[in-house]
Protein backbone atom coordinates (compact mmCIF):
# COMPACT_ATOMS: atom_id res chain seq x y z
CA MET A 1 -34.74 27.41 66.68
CA PRO A 2 -36.35 23.96 66.27
CA ILE A 3 -35.02 21.04 68.31
CA ILE A 4 -33.39 19.20 65.40
CA ASP A 5 -29.74 18.68 64.57
CA HIS A 6 -29.87 18.53 60.77
CA ILE A 7 -31.89 19.22 57.64
CA SER A 8 -31.95 16.80 54.69
CA ASP A 9 -31.90 18.43 51.26
CA LYS A 10 -32.11 16.60 47.92
CA GLN A 11 -29.39 18.72 46.31
CA LEU A 12 -27.22 19.63 49.27
CA GLY A 13 -27.45 16.43 51.29
CA ILE A 14 -27.30 16.62 55.09
CA ILE A 15 -26.99 20.14 56.49
CA GLU A 16 -25.88 20.04 60.12
CA LEU A 17 -27.47 22.65 62.39
CA LYS A 18 -25.26 24.19 65.03
CA SER A 19 -26.24 26.74 67.67
CA SER A 20 -23.46 29.31 68.09
CA GLU A 21 -22.96 31.85 70.86
CA ARG A 22 -20.57 33.79 68.63
CA ALA A 23 -22.72 33.92 65.47
CA ARG A 24 -24.55 37.19 64.85
CA TYR A 25 -26.44 35.85 61.86
CA ILE A 26 -26.97 32.57 60.03
CA ASN A 27 -23.86 31.44 58.16
CA PHE A 28 -22.73 28.34 56.35
CA ARG A 29 -19.44 26.46 56.05
CA TYR A 30 -18.28 23.16 54.64
CA LYS A 31 -16.68 20.75 57.07
CA ASN A 32 -15.97 17.01 57.09
CA GLY A 33 -17.98 16.19 53.98
CA HIS A 34 -21.11 18.27 54.59
CA ILE A 35 -22.43 21.79 55.07
CA THR A 36 -22.85 23.17 58.58
CA MET A 37 -25.40 25.90 59.27
CA SER A 38 -24.44 28.06 62.27
CA ILE A 39 -27.39 29.75 63.94
CA PRO A 40 -27.20 32.54 66.56
CA ALA A 41 -27.94 30.94 69.92
CA HIS A 42 -30.14 33.79 71.13
CA THR A 43 -32.33 34.05 68.03
CA ARG A 44 -35.35 31.81 67.43
CA TYR A 45 -36.02 30.52 63.92
CA THR A 46 -38.79 28.26 62.66
CA LEU A 47 -37.99 25.29 60.45
CA ASP A 48 -39.71 27.05 57.54
CA GLU A 49 -37.46 30.09 58.00
CA LEU A 50 -34.37 27.88 57.87
CA HIS A 51 -35.60 26.22 54.69
CA ARG A 52 -36.28 29.62 53.12
CA LYS A 53 -32.75 30.74 54.00
CA ILE A 54 -31.33 27.63 52.33
CA ASP A 55 -33.43 28.21 49.21
CA GLU A 56 -32.41 31.87 49.10
CA LEU A 57 -28.71 30.93 49.13
CA ARG A 58 -28.98 27.67 47.17
CA PRO A 59 -26.73 28.70 44.21
CA LYS A 60 -23.98 29.83 46.60
CA LEU A 61 -24.40 26.72 48.76
CA LEU A 62 -24.04 24.46 45.72
CA LYS A 63 -20.76 26.21 44.89
CA LEU A 64 -19.67 25.87 48.53
CA LEU A 65 -20.52 22.16 48.45
CA ASN A 66 -18.60 21.56 45.22
CA LYS A 67 -15.55 23.51 46.38
CA GLY A 68 -15.65 21.94 49.82
CA TYR A 69 -15.90 18.43 48.40
CA LYS A 70 -12.80 18.98 46.26
CA ARG A 71 -10.90 20.19 49.33
CA TYR A 72 -12.21 17.24 51.33
CA GLU A 73 -10.95 14.88 48.61
CA GLN A 74 -7.50 16.47 48.73
CA ALA A 75 -7.37 16.04 52.51
CA THR A 76 -8.35 12.36 52.37
CA LEU A 77 -5.60 10.09 53.68
CA PHE A 78 -4.81 6.66 52.25
CA GLU A 79 -2.05 4.07 52.05
CA GLY A 80 0.66 5.20 49.65
CA LYS A 81 -0.49 8.82 49.41
CA ILE A 82 2.36 11.11 48.32
CA ILE A 83 2.28 14.80 49.28
CA ASP A 84 4.70 17.10 47.52
CA ILE A 85 6.14 19.96 49.58
CA ALA A 86 8.87 22.50 48.84
CA GLU A 87 11.45 20.48 50.78
CA GLY A 88 10.64 17.13 49.16
CA LYS A 89 7.70 14.83 49.77
CA ILE A 90 5.64 13.04 52.42
CA ILE A 91 4.71 9.37 51.94
CA ILE A 92 1.99 7.68 54.00
CA LYS A 93 2.63 3.99 54.63
CA SER A 94 1.21 1.29 56.89
CA GLU A 95 3.43 -0.59 59.31
CA PRO A 96 1.97 -3.71 61.03
CA LYS A 97 4.58 -3.61 63.80
CA LEU A 98 3.28 -0.30 65.12
CA PRO A 99 0.80 -0.32 68.05
CA ARG A 100 -2.78 0.66 67.26
CA LYS A 101 -3.64 4.37 67.51
CA SER A 102 -0.03 5.45 67.16
CA THR A 103 2.22 6.91 64.51
CA TYR A 104 5.89 6.81 63.65
CA ILE A 105 7.28 9.60 61.51
CA HIS A 106 10.87 9.84 60.31
CA HIS A 107 12.74 11.37 57.41
CA ARG A 108 15.49 10.30 55.09
CA ASP A 109 17.06 12.65 52.54
CA ASN A 110 14.12 14.76 51.27
CA THR A 111 11.36 12.30 52.16
CA VAL A 112 9.20 12.23 55.29
CA TRP A 113 7.74 8.77 55.99
CA ALA A 114 4.50 8.81 57.99
CA LEU A 115 3.67 5.33 59.30
CA TYR A 116 0.50 3.98 60.91
CA ASN A 117 -0.92 0.59 61.91
CA PRO A 118 -2.98 -0.85 59.00
CA ASN A 119 -5.76 -1.77 61.44
CA ASP A 120 -6.31 1.94 62.12
CA ASN A 121 -8.84 3.52 59.80
CA LEU A 122 -7.52 6.57 57.94
CA SER A 123 -11.12 7.37 57.00
CA ASP A 124 -12.00 7.87 60.65
CA ASP A 125 -12.11 11.63 61.29
CA THR A 126 -10.59 11.40 64.77
CA PHE A 127 -7.64 9.23 63.75
CA ALA A 128 -7.08 11.11 60.47
CA GLN A 129 -6.84 14.38 62.38
CA PHE A 130 -4.53 12.87 65.00
CA PHE A 131 -2.28 11.46 62.25
CA SER A 132 -2.27 14.73 60.28
CA LYS A 133 -1.35 16.78 63.33
CA ALA A 134 1.52 14.40 64.10
CA ILE A 135 2.85 14.86 60.57
CA LEU A 136 2.56 18.64 60.80
CA LYS A 137 4.34 18.68 64.16
CA HIS A 138 7.22 16.71 62.63
CA LEU A 139 7.37 19.04 59.62
CA THR A 140 7.55 22.02 61.96
CA ARG A 141 10.56 20.56 63.78
CA LEU A 142 12.26 19.74 60.49
CA TYR A 143 11.47 22.75 58.35
CA GLY A 144 10.01 25.49 60.56
CA GLN A 145 13.24 27.43 60.27
CA ASN A 146 12.79 27.45 56.48
CA LEU A 147 9.67 29.62 56.90
CA GLN A 148 11.54 31.93 59.23
CA GLN A 149 14.50 32.25 56.86
CA LEU A 150 12.18 32.89 53.89
CA ALA A 151 10.58 35.74 55.81
CA PHE A 152 13.93 37.32 56.61
CA ASP A 153 15.04 36.88 52.99
CA CYS A 154 11.86 38.56 51.68
CA ALA A 155 12.29 41.39 54.17
CA LYS A 156 15.93 41.93 53.20
CA ARG A 157 15.07 41.96 49.50
CA ASN A 158 12.49 44.69 50.10
CA GLY A 159 14.46 46.73 52.63
CA ILE A 160 12.17 45.81 55.52
CA THR A 161 13.18 45.12 59.12
CA ILE A 162 11.41 42.25 60.84
CA LYS A 163 12.00 42.08 64.57
CA LYS A 164 11.05 38.41 64.95
CA VAL A 165 9.40 35.55 63.04
CA GLN A 166 7.32 33.06 65.02
CA ILE A 167 5.81 29.76 63.91
CA GLY A 168 2.23 29.09 65.01
CA ARG A 169 -0.39 26.46 64.13
CA GLY A 170 -3.37 28.50 63.00
CA ARG A 171 -5.49 27.13 60.17
CA GLN A 172 -7.84 30.00 59.48
CA ARG A 173 -5.07 32.62 59.70
CA LEU A 174 -1.93 31.62 57.87
CA GLY A 175 -0.11 34.74 58.99
CA CYS A 176 -0.38 37.80 61.21
CA CYS A 177 1.84 40.67 62.28
CA SER A 178 2.19 43.12 65.15
CA SER A 179 2.94 46.82 65.05
CA SER A 180 6.27 46.07 66.75
CA GLY A 181 7.49 44.15 63.69
CA ILE A 182 6.81 40.58 64.80
CA ILE A 183 5.39 38.25 62.13
CA THR A 184 3.71 34.94 62.98
CA LEU A 185 3.42 32.28 60.26
CA SER A 186 1.30 29.14 60.50
CA ALA A 187 3.18 25.84 60.29
CA ILE A 188 0.50 24.77 57.80
CA LEU A 189 2.35 26.89 55.24
CA LEU A 190 4.88 24.05 55.10
CA LEU A 191 2.25 22.20 53.05
CA TYR A 192 2.00 25.08 50.55
CA PRO A 193 4.17 25.77 47.50
CA GLN A 194 7.11 28.12 48.08
CA HIS A 195 5.60 31.08 46.20
CA LEU A 196 2.39 30.92 48.26
CA ARG A 197 4.46 30.92 51.45
CA GLU A 198 6.15 34.02 50.09
CA TYR A 199 2.77 35.60 49.29
CA ILE A 200 1.61 35.29 52.91
CA ILE A 201 4.90 36.78 54.11
CA CYS A 202 4.63 39.72 51.69
CA HIS A 203 1.01 40.25 52.75
CA GLU A 204 2.04 40.50 56.40
CA MET A 205 5.03 42.72 55.61
CA ALA A 206 2.69 45.14 53.84
CA HIS A 207 0.57 45.22 57.02
CA LEU A 208 3.58 46.54 58.92
CA LYS A 209 2.92 49.80 57.09
CA HIS A 210 -0.82 49.61 56.32
CA PHE A 211 -3.06 47.98 58.94
CA ASN A 212 -5.93 47.67 56.47
CA HIS A 213 -6.62 46.38 52.98
CA SER A 214 -6.64 49.74 51.25
CA GLU A 215 -5.48 50.48 47.73
CA ALA A 216 -2.14 51.60 49.16
CA PHE A 217 -1.80 48.28 50.99
CA HIS A 218 -2.43 46.22 47.85
CA LYS A 219 -0.02 48.35 45.82
CA LEU A 220 2.72 47.79 48.39
CA CYS A 221 1.94 44.07 48.69
CA ASN A 222 2.04 43.74 44.90
CA ASP A 223 5.45 45.43 44.87
CA TYR A 224 6.73 42.96 47.47
CA CYS A 225 5.26 40.09 45.39
CA ARG A 226 7.06 41.33 42.29
CA GLY A 227 3.77 42.03 40.53
CA ASN A 228 2.16 38.67 41.37
CA GLU A 229 -0.22 39.62 44.20
CA LYS A 230 -3.50 38.96 42.33
CA GLN A 231 -2.32 35.70 40.80
CA TRP A 232 -0.87 34.38 44.05
CA ASN A 233 -3.98 35.40 45.97
CA LYS A 234 -6.12 33.47 43.48
CA GLU A 235 -3.90 30.39 43.81
CA LEU A 236 -3.99 30.64 47.60
CA LYS A 237 -7.81 30.56 47.61
CA GLU A 238 -7.84 27.53 45.34
CA PHE A 239 -5.16 25.57 47.19
CA ALA A 240 -6.45 22.55 49.13
CA ILE A 241 -4.51 21.42 52.20
CA PRO A 242 -3.44 17.80 51.61
CA LEU A 243 -3.76 16.71 55.25
CA TYR A 244 -6.83 16.34 57.47
CA LEU A 245 -6.39 19.49 59.57
């Protein structure tokens, strides 16, 4: 692998190069406004080989860039941004009395107010992530039990027994289950519409019986989703998280 940290491309912009111990082959992802190219740490590639790989996958990378940019736009934070959630809404406001690099989050009725010092830059990746995590932590304290209750309600409706429902903070995995009947749901689901929360729950409930994604699994999941599995799965893939997480 050449000793460079990025490749400039006329169509794709800056492509960050990242050596990865875990990667088994070259893969791409969109993060923080640009494409990252993960390269297996123990495999040597010439610069020409990397360019050929980019050209080979160019149509897919253009789609990745377009989709990623839309998600990046949705995650952008700004003064006055309103985020609708199932329980109400989140409003981002500046407050000059707050110390720099701090947040103050409180709720009234069905509104969560997320305050920050106007001298802090919401466009700064580090602060935006810090601010977003603080909001999510507050949402979890307020509404985490709503996710748990929804899971128990879905289970009861379908005649399923769930031993326990836990709230985690995973971003890549919104839900998981164990063979003992424990379901873990990501707190990030609190930013999703109610029916997409339900979809993740139904998906995990179906895994209690089928630990795979077989035809039988999808049939059962679709039954739990009241015939909406394909539609909800499509909406889930298109949904953009409205915080910088």
